């Protein structure tokens, strides 16, 4: 899990890009519509405000709205849903108004704004943006970190659209991530960053990737554990261990001295910066804000730091 920076400037640029595309077709029972100010608040609202904003407005749009009752409605089949006068018509209108597939689905504007080179969740797949809306080549998918089915007014919220690879987006799907249970890339605190990749022997040849959670704060530990478990991140990294991990271990153990330490601290020291050395030798970035630029940067950096200290 990588981090994203909160940017009021980018959120506002995104809002101004999409505001004219959002239909004003949803009407409340009293005949009024969702106002432009309410739409703006939904689009640029901060991650810790979004669920509250959604529920307040849903209570205005749907008389006696109840989140638990609404989630039960979502579990019904199509026929039963269509007979539910309380929710069905209004939800269809909301989905039409905040039509993600039409407003964001084919556009490249948000991808260029976010400018993230690898998946925020796994940091193993490139999510480069190549092309534009006139020449569509490839761009990241967007994970609705807060479920768009359970919170339909957050479908176009800037801070709810996390650039992801196709694999992670499908794996996450509509899993119920909350700020109390999982890591959110925009508001990870220092305790929630206290995890490292390591390894342990599986056989004489093979090794398993291990996640080490180093925080003593229970909630932070739970969030880290839940995020890795629900996205199968350890399993995903283990699938790459025969290449990405083994290469580093071979470099360390096939020489009598710690060759990794020699390369970093002797051979190239004084000739290149530390960042340049890691980039040239291992193909990774070592600064947290740059992890997204190259796959496996967080993983390899953690493993290398461990191997450097082995005498």
C-alpha atoms as a PDB file:
ATOM      1  CA  UNK A   1       0.000   0.000   0.000  1.00  0.00           C
ATOM      2  CA  UNK A   2       1.474   3.322  -1.137  1.00  0.00           C
ATOM      3  CA  UNK A   3       0.379   6.809  -0.164  1.00  0.00           C
ATOM      4  CA  UNK A   4      -1.248   9.667  -2.056  1.00  0.00           C
ATOM      5  CA  UNK A   5      -0.971  13.368  -1.271  1.00  0.00           C
ATOM      6  CA  UNK A   6      -4.078  15.407  -0.545  1.00  0.00           C
ATOM      7  CA  UNK A   7      -4.172  18.204  -3.129  1.00  0.00           C
ATOM      8  CA  UNK A   8      -6.884  20.849  -2.935  1.00  0.00           C
ATOM      9  CA  UNK A   9      -5.655  22.226  -6.269  1.00  0.00           C
ATOM     10  CA  UNK A  10      -6.068  18.911  -8.092  1.00  0.00           C
ATOM     11  CA  UNK A  11      -9.429  18.230  -6.450  1.00  0.00           C
ATOM     12  CA  UNK A  12     -10.709  21.605  -7.667  1.00  0.00           C
ATOM     13  CA  UNK A  13      -9.328  21.021 -11.177  1.00  0.00           C
ATOM     14  CA  UNK A  14     -11.170  17.710 -11.269  1.00  0.00           C
ATOM     15  CA  UNK A  15     -14.384  19.347 -10.060  1.00  0.00           C
ATOM     16  CA  UNK A  16     -14.235  22.086 -12.710  1.00  0.00           C
ATOM     17  CA  UNK A  17     -13.562  19.468 -15.384  1.00  0.00           C
ATOM     18  CA  UNK A  18     -16.636  17.350 -14.552  1.00  0.00           C
ATOM     19  CA  UNK A  19     -19.176  19.755 -13.061  1.00  0.00           C
ATOM     20  CA  UNK A  20     -20.861  20.568 -16.379  1.00  0.00           C
ATOM     21  CA  UNK A  21     -21.134  16.849 -17.167  1.00  0.00           C
ATOM     22  CA  UNK A  22     -23.137  16.060 -14.045  1.00  0.00           C
ATOM     23  CA  UNK A  23     -26.849  15.963 -14.754  1.00  0.00           C
ATOM     24  CA  UNK A  24     -29.223  17.964 -12.523  1.00  0.00           C
ATOM     25  CA  UNK A  25     -31.965  15.355 -12.908  1.00  0.00           C
ATOM     26  CA  UNK A  26     -32.312  14.191  -9.297  1.00  0.00           C
ATOM     27  CA  UNK A  27     -35.196  15.878  -7.535  1.00  0.00           C
ATOM     28  CA  UNK A  28     -36.069  15.709  -3.875  1.00  0.00           C
ATOM     29  CA  UNK A  29     -39.618  15.075  -2.663  1.00  0.00           C
ATOM     30  CA  UNK A  30     -40.087  18.790  -2.054  1.00  0.00           C
ATOM     31  CA  UNK A  31     -39.182  19.591  -5.673  1.00  0.00           C
ATOM     32  CA  UNK A  32     -35.707  20.999  -5.011  1.00  0.00           C
ATOM     33  CA  UNK A  33     -32.550  19.529  -6.564  1.00  0.00           C
ATOM     34  CA  UNK A  34     -29.065  18.785  -5.284  1.00  0.00           C
ATOM     35  CA  UNK A  35     -27.394  22.165  -5.461  1.00  0.00           C
ATOM     36  CA  UNK A  36     -24.163  23.014  -7.238  1.00  0.00           C
ATOM     37  CA  UNK A  37     -22.558  23.667  -3.842  1.00  0.00           C
ATOM     38  CA  UNK A  38     -23.588  20.202  -2.625  1.00  0.00           C
ATOM     39  CA  UNK A  39     -22.174  18.601  -5.768  1.00  0.00           C
ATOM     40  CA  UNK A  40     -18.915  20.498  -5.304  1.00  0.00           C
ATOM     41  CA  UNK A  41     -18.710  19.398  -1.659  1.00  0.00           C
ATOM     42  CA  UNK A  42     -19.209  15.767  -2.680  1.00  0.00           C
ATOM     43  CA  UNK A  43     -16.562  15.942  -5.399  1.00  0.00           C
ATOM     44  CA  UNK A  44     -13.809  17.661  -3.394  1.00  0.00           C
ATOM     45  CA  UNK A  45     -14.709  16.412   0.122  1.00  0.00           C
ATOM     46  CA  UNK A  46     -11.822  14.952   2.129  1.00  0.00           C
ATOM     47  CA  UNK A  47     -11.664  11.186   2.775  1.00  0.00           C
ATOM     48  CA  UNK A  48     -12.732  11.484   6.418  1.00  0.00           C
ATOM     49  CA  UNK A  49     -15.758  13.614   5.435  1.00  0.00           C
ATOM     50  CA  UNK A  50     -17.175  11.560   2.589  1.00  0.00           C
ATOM     51  CA  UNK A  51     -19.385   9.009   4.344  1.00  0.00           C
ATOM     52  CA  UNK A  52     -20.948  11.702   6.542  1.00  0.00           C
ATOM     53  CA  UNK A  53     -21.595  13.885   3.475  1.00  0.00           C
ATOM     54  CA  UNK A  54     -23.179  10.977   1.624  1.00  0.00           C
ATOM     55  CA  UNK A  55     -25.498  10.060   4.503  1.00  0.00           C
ATOM     56  CA  UNK A  56     -26.587  13.645   5.175  1.00  0.00           C
ATOM     57  CA  UNK A  57     -27.560  14.211   1.546  1.00  0.00           C
ATOM     58  CA  UNK A  58     -29.159  10.785   1.176  1.00  0.00           C
ATOM     59  CA  UNK A  59     -31.386  11.674   4.131  1.00  0.00           C
ATOM     60  CA  UNK A  60     -32.462  14.811   2.251  1.00  0.00           C
ATOM     61  CA  UNK A  61     -33.072  12.979  -1.016  1.00  0.00           C
ATOM     62  CA  UNK A  62     -34.877   9.919   0.395  1.00  0.00           C
ATOM     63  CA  UNK A  63     -37.406  10.334   3.196  1.00  0.00           C
ATOM     64  CA  UNK A  64     -36.527   8.227   6.265  1.00  0.00           C
ATOM     65  CA  UNK A  65     -33.303   7.026   4.662  1.00  0.00           C
ATOM     66  CA  UNK A  66     -31.588   4.345   6.720  1.00  0.00           C
ATOM     67  CA  UNK A  67     -28.140   3.014   5.758  1.00  0.00           C
ATOM     68  CA  UNK A  68     -28.688  -0.492   7.152  1.00  0.00           C
ATOM     69  CA  UNK A  69     -32.056  -0.773   5.433  1.00  0.00           C
ATOM     70  CA  UNK A  70     -30.499   0.521   2.204  1.00  0.00           C
ATOM     71  CA  UNK A  71     -27.731  -2.092   2.316  1.00  0.00           C
ATOM     72  CA  UNK A  72     -30.409  -4.765   2.710  1.00  0.00           C
ATOM     73  CA  UNK A  73     -32.098  -3.339  -0.391  1.00  0.00           C
ATOM     74  CA  UNK A  74     -28.826  -3.745  -2.317  1.00  0.00           C
ATOM     75  CA  UNK A  75     -28.839  -7.471  -1.512  1.00  0.00           C
ATOM     76  CA  UNK A  76     -32.280  -8.025  -3.050  1.00  0.00           C
ATOM     77  CA  UNK A  77     -32.772  -9.375  -6.581  1.00  0.00           C
ATOM     78  CA  UNK A  78     -33.730  -7.022  -9.432  1.00  0.00           C
ATOM     79  CA  UNK A  79     -37.453  -7.743  -9.220  1.00  0.00           C
ATOM     80  CA  UNK A  80     -37.663  -7.138  -5.487  1.00  0.00           C
ATOM     81  CA  UNK A  81     -35.587  -3.963  -5.819  1.00  0.00           C
ATOM     82  CA  UNK A  82     -37.813  -2.577  -8.577  1.00  0.00           C
ATOM     83  CA  UNK A  83     -40.839  -2.935  -6.297  1.00  0.00           C
ATOM     84  CA  UNK A  84     -39.199  -0.907  -3.536  1.00  0.00           C
ATOM     85  CA  UNK A  85     -40.697   2.563  -4.021  1.00  0.00           C
ATOM     86  CA  UNK A  86     -38.657   4.062  -1.201  1.00  0.00           C
ATOM     87  CA  UNK A  87     -35.258   3.506  -2.817  1.00  0.00           C
ATOM     88  CA  UNK A  88     -35.447   2.228  -6.370  1.00  0.00           C
ATOM     89  CA  UNK A  89     -36.443   5.316  -8.359  1.00  0.00           C
ATOM     90  CA  UNK A  90     -34.215   7.664  -6.383  1.00  0.00           C
ATOM     91  CA  UNK A  91     -31.168   5.409  -6.633  1.00  0.00           C
ATOM     92  CA  UNK A  92     -31.634   5.139 -10.395  1.00  0.00           C
ATOM     93  CA  UNK A  93     -31.775   8.936 -10.597  1.00  0.00           C
ATOM     94  CA  UNK A  94     -28.635   9.296  -8.468  1.00  0.00           C
ATOM     95  CA  UNK A  95     -26.777   6.744 -10.592  1.00  0.00           C
ATOM     96  CA  UNK A  96     -27.823   8.647 -13.710  1.00  0.00           C
ATOM     97  CA  UNK A  97     -26.682  11.933 -12.236  1.00  0.00           C
ATOM     98  CA  UNK A  98     -23.302  10.629 -11.015  1.00  0.00           C
ATOM     99  CA  UNK A  99     -22.683   8.388 -14.020  1.00  0.00           C
ATOM    100  CA  UNK A 100     -19.089   7.275 -13.495  1.00  0.00           C
ATOM    101  CA  UNK A 101     -18.825   5.347 -16.770  1.00  0.00           C
ATOM    102  CA  UNK A 102     -19.773   8.399 -18.850  1.00  0.00           C
ATOM    103  CA  UNK A 103     -18.101  11.143 -16.831  1.00  0.00           C
ATOM    104  CA  UNK A 104     -14.819   9.476 -15.805  1.00  0.00           C
ATOM    105  CA  UNK A 105     -14.759   6.030 -17.401  1.00  0.00           C
ATOM    106  CA  UNK A 106     -13.419   7.092 -20.810  1.00  0.00           C
ATOM    107  CA  UNK A 107     -11.537  10.216 -19.782  1.00  0.00           C
ATOM    108  CA  UNK A 108      -7.817  10.635 -19.163  1.00  0.00           C
ATOM    109  CA  UNK A 109      -8.000  13.934 -17.292  1.00  0.00           C
ATOM    110  CA  UNK A 110      -8.006  12.421 -13.796  1.00  0.00           C
ATOM    111  CA  UNK A 111      -5.193   9.987 -14.668  1.00  0.00           C
ATOM    112  CA  UNK A 112      -2.963  12.860 -15.775  1.00  0.00           C
ATOM    113  CA  UNK A 113      -3.844  14.814 -12.630  1.00  0.00           C
ATOM    114  CA  UNK A 114      -2.941  11.939 -10.297  1.00  0.00           C
ATOM    115  CA  UNK A 115       0.181  11.009 -12.299  1.00  0.00           C
ATOM    116  CA  UNK A 116       0.834   7.684 -10.551  1.00  0.00           C
ATOM    117  CA  UNK A 117       3.094   5.211 -12.328  1.00  0.00           C
ATOM    118  CA  UNK A 118       2.294   2.013 -10.408  1.00  0.00           C
ATOM    119  CA  UNK A 119      -0.713   0.594  -8.589  1.00  0.00           C
ATOM    120  CA  UNK A 120      -1.282   2.246  -5.213  1.00  0.00           C
ATOM    121  CA  UNK A 121      -2.363  -1.057  -3.687  1.00  0.00           C
ATOM    122  CA  UNK A 122       0.325  -3.498  -4.848  1.00  0.00           C
ATOM    123  CA  UNK A 123       3.165  -1.395  -6.358  1.00  0.00           C
ATOM    124  CA  UNK A 124       3.937  -4.297  -8.728  1.00  0.00           C
ATOM    125  CA  UNK A 125       2.044  -3.317 -11.905  1.00  0.00           C
ATOM    126  CA  UNK A 126       2.609  -0.175 -13.927  1.00  0.00           C
ATOM    127  CA  UNK A 127      -0.403   2.137 -14.193  1.00  0.00           C
ATOM    128  CA  UNK A 128       1.186   4.613 -16.590  1.00  0.00           C
ATOM    129  CA  UNK A 129      -1.078   7.022 -18.416  1.00  0.00           C
ATOM    130  CA  UNK A 130      -0.400   7.010 -22.139  1.00  0.00           C
ATOM    131  CA  UNK A 131      -2.604   9.036 -24.462  1.00  0.00           C
ATOM    132  CA  UNK A 132      -5.619  11.261 -23.852  1.00  0.00           C
ATOM    133  CA  UNK A 133      -9.391  11.252 -24.428  1.00  0.00           C
ATOM    134  CA  UNK A 134      -8.837  11.659 -28.189  1.00  0.00           C
ATOM    135  CA  UNK A 135      -6.120   9.011 -28.377  1.00  0.00           C
ATOM    136  CA  UNK A 136      -6.886   6.451 -25.675  1.00  0.00           C
ATOM    137  CA  UNK A 137      -4.051   3.976 -25.141  1.00  0.00           C
ATOM    138  CA  UNK A 138      -3.825   3.027 -21.472  1.00  0.00           C
ATOM    139  CA  UNK A 139      -4.489   4.529 -18.074  1.00  0.00           C
ATOM    140  CA  UNK A 140      -5.035   3.190 -14.530  1.00  0.00           C
ATOM    141  CA  UNK A 141      -8.341   1.836 -13.353  1.00  0.00           C
ATOM    142  CA  UNK A 142      -9.944   3.588 -10.383  1.00  0.00           C
ATOM    143  CA  UNK A 143     -10.813   1.773  -7.206  1.00  0.00           C
ATOM    144  CA  UNK A 144     -13.760   3.326  -5.389  1.00  0.00           C
ATOM    145  CA  UNK A 145     -12.114   2.964  -1.994  1.00  0.00           C
ATOM    146  CA  UNK A 146     -15.461   3.609  -0.292  1.00  0.00           C
ATOM    147  CA  UNK A 147     -18.028   1.363  -1.933  1.00  0.00           C
ATOM    148  CA  UNK A 148     -19.926   3.206  -4.667  1.00  0.00           C
ATOM    149  CA  UNK A 149     -22.905   0.848  -4.338  1.00  0.00           C
ATOM    150  CA  UNK A 150     -23.330   1.470  -0.593  1.00  0.00           C
ATOM    151  CA  UNK A 151     -22.518   5.191  -0.897  1.00  0.00           C
ATOM    152  CA  UNK A 152     -23.794   6.180  -4.367  1.00  0.00           C
ATOM    153  CA  UNK A 153     -23.178   9.923  -3.957  1.00  0.00           C
ATOM    154  CA  UNK A 154     -19.416   9.265  -3.681  1.00  0.00           C
ATOM    155  CA  UNK A 155     -19.052   7.778  -7.166  1.00  0.00           C
ATOM    156  CA  UNK A 156     -17.276  10.890  -8.482  1.00  0.00           C
ATOM    157  CA  UNK A 157     -15.513  12.022  -5.300  1.00  0.00           C
ATOM    158  CA  UNK A 158     -11.909  12.907  -6.112  1.00  0.00           C
ATOM    159  CA  UNK A 159     -10.523  11.323  -2.934  1.00  0.00           C
ATOM    160  CA  UNK A 160     -12.528   8.143  -3.490  1.00  0.00           C
ATOM    161  CA  UNK A 161     -10.923   7.326  -6.850  1.00  0.00           C
ATOM    162  CA  UNK A 162      -7.663   5.479  -6.171  1.00  0.00           C
ATOM    163  CA  UNK A 163      -5.462   4.672  -9.210  1.00  0.00           C
ATOM    164  CA  UNK A 164      -5.089   0.892  -9.339  1.00  0.00           C
ATOM    165  CA  UNK A 165      -4.111  -1.947 -11.599  1.00  0.00           C
ATOM    166  CA  UNK A 166      -6.850  -4.132 -13.021  1.00  0.00           C
ATOM    167  CA  UNK A 167      -5.942  -7.059 -10.739  1.00  0.00           C
ATOM    168  CA  UNK A 168      -6.202  -5.084  -7.497  1.00  0.00           C
ATOM    169  CA  UNK A 169      -9.327  -3.245  -8.592  1.00  0.00           C
ATOM    170  CA  UNK A 170     -11.090  -6.544  -9.291  1.00  0.00           C
ATOM    171  CA  UNK A 171      -9.787  -8.093  -6.075  1.00  0.00           C
ATOM    172  CA  UNK A 172     -10.929  -5.163  -3.975  1.00  0.00           C
ATOM    173  CA  UNK A 173     -14.248  -4.924  -5.851  1.00  0.00           C
ATOM    174  CA  UNK A 174     -16.941  -3.784  -3.393  1.00  0.00           C
ATOM    175  CA  UNK A 175     -15.201  -4.992  -0.211  1.00  0.00           C
ATOM    176  CA  UNK A 176     -16.233  -2.805   2.675  1.00  0.00           C
ATOM    177  CA  UNK A 177     -13.138  -0.726   3.431  1.00  0.00           C
ATOM    178  CA  UNK A 178     -13.544   1.932   6.122  1.00  0.00           C
ATOM    179  CA  UNK A 179     -11.207   4.387   7.820  1.00  0.00           C
ATOM    180  CA  UNK A 180     -11.553   2.337  11.002  1.00  0.00           C
ATOM    181  CA  UNK A 181     -10.647  -1.021   9.435  1.00  0.00           C
ATOM    182  CA  UNK A 182      -8.262  -0.477   6.491  1.00  0.00           C
ATOM    183  CA  UNK A 183      -5.412   1.726   5.306  1.00  0.00           C
ATOM    184  CA  UNK A 184      -6.550   4.687   3.241  1.00  0.00           C
ATOM    185  CA  UNK A 185      -3.792   5.970   0.902  1.00  0.00           C
ATOM    186  CA  UNK A 186      -4.654   9.613   1.592  1.00  0.00           C
ATOM    187  CA  UNK A 187      -4.614   9.562   5.385  1.00  0.00           C
ATOM    188  CA  UNK A 188      -2.095   6.949   6.518  1.00  0.00           C
ATOM    189  CA  UNK A 189      -0.445   8.136   9.745  1.00  0.00           C
ATOM    190  CA  UNK A 190       3.069   7.260  10.890  1.00  0.00           C
ATOM    191  CA  UNK A 191       1.961   4.251  12.963  1.00  0.00           C
ATOM    192  CA  UNK A 192       0.140   2.859   9.929  1.00  0.00           C
ATOM    193  CA  UNK A 193       3.366   2.993   7.910  1.00  0.00           C
ATOM    194  CA  UNK A 194       5.185   0.722  10.359  1.00  0.00           C
ATOM    195  CA  UNK A 195       5.252  -2.443   8.310  1.00  0.00           C
ATOM    196  CA  UNK A 196       8.072  -4.053   6.355  1.00  0.00           C
ATOM    197  CA  UNK A 197       8.576  -6.863   3.922  1.00  0.00           C
ATOM    198  CA  UNK A 198      10.908  -9.645   5.000  1.00  0.00           C
ATOM    199  CA  UNK A 199      11.436 -13.325   4.145  1.00  0.00           C
ATOM    200  CA  UNK A 200      11.845 -16.763   5.682  1.00  0.00           C
ATOM    201  CA  UNK A 201      13.103 -20.099   4.413  1.00  0.00           C
ATOM    202  CA  UNK A 202      10.508 -22.322   2.762  1.00  0.00           C
ATOM    203  CA  UNK A 203      12.925 -24.953   1.434  1.00  0.00           C
ATOM    204  CA  UNK A 204      16.659 -25.088   0.786  1.00  0.00           C
ATOM    205  CA  UNK A 205      16.006 -23.172  -2.433  1.00  0.00           C
ATOM    206  CA  UNK A 206      12.783 -21.256  -1.972  1.00  0.00           C
ATOM    207  CA  UNK A 207      11.822 -18.474   0.409  1.00  0.00           C
ATOM    208  CA  UNK A 208       8.518 -17.021   1.510  1.00  0.00           C
ATOM    209  CA  UNK A 209       7.771 -13.310   1.681  1.00  0.00           C
ATOM    210  CA  UNK A 210       6.757 -12.239   5.193  1.00  0.00           C
ATOM    211  CA  UNK A 211       4.945  -9.105   6.339  1.00  0.00           C
ATOM    212  CA  UNK A 212       6.342  -7.649   9.567  1.00  0.00           C
ATOM    213  CA  UNK A 213       4.006  -5.283  11.397  1.00  0.00           C
ATOM    214  CA  UNK A 214       6.109  -3.134  13.703  1.00  0.00           C
ATOM    215  CA  UNK A 215       3.572  -0.830  15.327  1.00  0.00           C
ATOM    216  CA  UNK A 216       2.403  -1.439  18.890  1.00  0.00           C
ATOM    217  CA  UNK A 217      -0.800   0.496  18.219  1.00  0.00           C
ATOM    218  CA  UNK A 218      -3.618  -2.062  17.976  1.00  0.00           C
ATOM    219  CA  UNK A 219      -5.845  -0.159  15.538  1.00  0.00           C
ATOM    220  CA  UNK A 220      -2.953   0.558  13.181  1.00  0.00           C
ATOM    221  CA  UNK A 221      -1.859  -3.083  13.310  1.00  0.00           C
ATOM    222  CA  UNK A 222      -5.407  -4.200  12.534  1.00  0.00           C
ATOM    223  CA  UNK A 223      -5.675  -1.829   9.568  1.00  0.00           C
ATOM    224  CA  UNK A 224      -2.375  -3.051   8.098  1.00  0.00           C
ATOM    225  CA  UNK A 225      -3.320  -6.694   8.587  1.00  0.00           C
ATOM    226  CA  UNK A 226      -6.816  -6.267   7.129  1.00  0.00           C
ATOM    227  CA  UNK A 227      -5.559  -4.407   4.068  1.00  0.00           C
ATOM    228  CA  UNK A 228      -2.901  -6.965   3.214  1.00  0.00           C
ATOM    229  CA  UNK A 229      -5.282  -9.850   3.855  1.00  0.00           C
ATOM    230  CA  UNK A 230      -8.209  -8.506   1.830  1.00  0.00           C
ATOM    231  CA  UNK A 231      -6.006  -7.595  -1.139  1.00  0.00           C
ATOM    232  CA  UNK A 232      -3.964 -10.834  -0.883  1.00  0.00           C
ATOM    233  CA  UNK A 233      -0.783  -8.780  -1.048  1.00  0.00           C
ATOM    234  CA  UNK A 234       1.515 -11.274   0.681  1.00  0.00           C
ATOM    235  CA  UNK A 235       0.328 -14.054  -1.636  1.00  0.00           C
ATOM    236  CA  UNK A 236       0.843 -11.781  -4.632  1.00  0.00           C
ATOM    237  CA  UNK A 237       4.392 -10.953  -3.560  1.00  0.00           C
ATOM    238  CA  UNK A 238       5.118 -14.609  -2.870  1.00  0.00           C
ATOM    239  CA  UNK A 239       4.166 -15.355  -6.470  1.00  0.00           C
ATOM    240  CA  UNK A 240       7.084 -13.115  -7.483  1.00  0.00           C
ATOM    241  CA  UNK A 241       9.541 -14.439  -4.907  1.00  0.00           C
ATOM    242  CA  UNK A 242      11.311 -16.774  -7.347  1.00  0.00           C
ATOM    243  CA  UNK A 243      12.458 -13.750  -9.303  1.00  0.00           C
ATOM    244  CA  UNK A 244      12.309 -10.483  -7.359  1.00  0.00           C
ATOM    245  CA  UNK A 245      13.286 -11.944  -3.982  1.00  0.00           C
ATOM    246  CA  UNK A 246      15.673 -14.674  -5.154  1.00  0.00           C
ATOM    247  CA  UNK A 247      17.768 -12.236  -7.197  1.00  0.00           C
ATOM    248  CA  UNK A 248      18.439 -10.144  -4.104  1.00  0.00           C
ATOM    249  CA  UNK A 249      19.216 -13.166  -1.942  1.00  0.00           C
ATOM    250  CA  UNK A 250      21.571 -14.565  -4.585  1.00  0.00           C
ATOM    251  CA  UNK A 251      23.385 -11.248  -4.735  1.00  0.00           C
ATOM    252  CA  UNK A 252      23.887 -11.373  -0.980  1.00  0.00           C
ATOM    253  CA  UNK A 253      24.702 -15.044  -0.356  1.00  0.00           C
ATOM    254  CA  UNK A 254      26.690 -16.127  -3.418  1.00  0.00           C
ATOM    255  CA  UNK A 255      29.633 -13.997  -2.350  1.00  0.00           C
ATOM    256  CA  UNK A 256      31.813 -14.394   0.726  1.00  0.00           C
ATOM    257  CA  UNK A 257      31.340 -10.753   1.636  1.00  0.00           C
ATOM    258  CA  UNK A 258      28.165  -8.701   1.681  1.00  0.00           C
ATOM    259  CA  UNK A 259      28.272  -7.648  -1.970  1.00  0.00           C
ATOM    260  CA  UNK A 260      25.118  -5.558  -1.643  1.00  0.00           C
ATOM    261  CA  UNK A 261      26.716  -3.477   1.094  1.00  0.00           C
ATOM    262  CA  UNK A 262      29.936  -3.160  -0.963  1.00  0.00           C
ATOM    263  CA  UNK A 263      28.076  -1.927  -4.055  1.00  0.00           C
ATOM    264  CA  UNK A 264      26.075   0.660  -2.139  1.00  0.00           C
ATOM    265  CA  UNK A 265      28.592   1.887   0.409  1.00  0.00           C
ATOM    266  CA  UNK A 266      31.943   1.469  -1.378  1.00  0.00           C
ATOM    267  CA  UNK A 267      31.880   0.902  -5.133  1.00  0.00           C
ATOM    268  CA  UNK A 268      29.618   3.770  -6.146  1.00  0.00           C
ATOM    269  CA  UNK A 269      29.678   5.941  -3.047  1.00  0.00           C
ATOM    270  CA  UNK A 270      30.862   9.453  -3.882  1.00  0.00           C
ATOM    271  CA  UNK A 271      30.242   8.897  -7.590  1.00  0.00           C
ATOM    272  CA  UNK A 272      26.454   8.837  -7.468  1.00  0.00           C
ATOM    273  CA  UNK A 273      23.767   9.838  -5.038  1.00  0.00           C
ATOM    274  CA  UNK A 274      22.173   7.098  -2.925  1.00  0.00           C
ATOM    275  CA  UNK A 275      18.985   7.395  -5.003  1.00  0.00           C
ATOM    276  CA  UNK A 276      20.944   6.961  -8.240  1.00  0.00           C
ATOM    277  CA  UNK A 277      22.778   3.904  -6.894  1.00  0.00           C
ATOM    278  CA  UNK A 278      19.553   2.095  -5.970  1.00  0.00           C
ATOM    279  CA  UNK A 279      17.948   3.102  -9.251  1.00  0.00           C
ATOM    280  CA  UNK A 280      20.877   1.840 -11.351  1.00  0.00           C
ATOM    281  CA  UNK A 281      21.640  -1.392  -9.473  1.00  0.00           C
ATOM    282  CA  UNK A 282      18.194  -2.517  -8.351  1.00  0.00           C
ATOM    283  CA  UNK A 283      15.802  -0.530 -10.550  1.00  0.00           C
ATOM    284  CA  UNK A 284      13.886   0.930  -7.604  1.00  0.00           C
ATOM    285  CA  UNK A 285      13.182   4.216  -5.880  1.00  0.00           C
ATOM    286  CA  UNK A 286      14.066   4.546  -2.187  1.00  0.00           C
ATOM    287  CA  UNK A 287      12.152   7.674  -1.201  1.00  0.00           C
ATOM    288  CA  UNK A 288       8.627   6.954  -0.038  1.00  0.00           C
ATOM    289  CA  UNK A 289       7.087   9.659  -2.233  1.00  0.00           C
ATOM    290  CA  UNK A 290       8.771   8.082  -5.263  1.00  0.00           C
ATOM    291  CA  UNK A 291       7.913   4.418  -4.601  1.00  0.00           C
ATOM    292  CA  UNK A 292       5.103   4.626  -7.154  1.00  0.00           C
ATOM    293  CA  UNK A 293       7.527   5.395  -9.996  1.00  0.00           C
ATOM    294  CA  UNK A 294       8.964   1.861 -10.219  1.00  0.00           C
ATOM    295  CA  UNK A 295       7.423  -1.540  -9.410  1.00  0.00           C
ATOM    296  CA  UNK A 296       8.419  -3.351  -6.196  1.00  0.00           C
ATOM    297  CA  UNK A 297      10.229  -0.300  -4.780  1.00  0.00           C
ATOM    298  CA  UNK A 298       8.874  -0.599  -1.226  1.00  0.00           C
ATOM    299  CA  UNK A 299       9.313  -4.391  -1.217  1.00  0.00           C
ATOM    300  CA  UNK A 300      12.879  -4.415  -2.588  1.00  0.00           C
ATOM    301  CA  UNK A 301      13.977  -1.481  -0.447  1.00  0.00           C
ATOM    302  CA  UNK A 302      12.858  -3.297   2.719  1.00  0.00           C
ATOM    303  CA  UNK A 303      14.593  -6.542   1.697  1.00  0.00           C
ATOM    304  CA  UNK A 304      17.812  -4.758   0.684  1.00  0.00           C
ATOM    305  CA  UNK A 305      18.011  -2.867   3.979  1.00  0.00           C
ATOM    306  CA  UNK A 306      17.673  -6.189   5.817  1.00  0.00           C
ATOM    307  CA  UNK A 307      20.347  -7.894   3.679  1.00  0.00           C
ATOM    308  CA  UNK A 308      22.764  -4.974   4.055  1.00  0.00           C
ATOM    309  CA  UNK A 309      22.867  -5.527   7.806  1.00  0.00           C
ATOM    310  CA  UNK A 310      23.657  -9.237   7.632  1.00  0.00           C
ATOM    311  CA  UNK A 311      27.340  -9.818   8.364  1.00  0.00           C
END
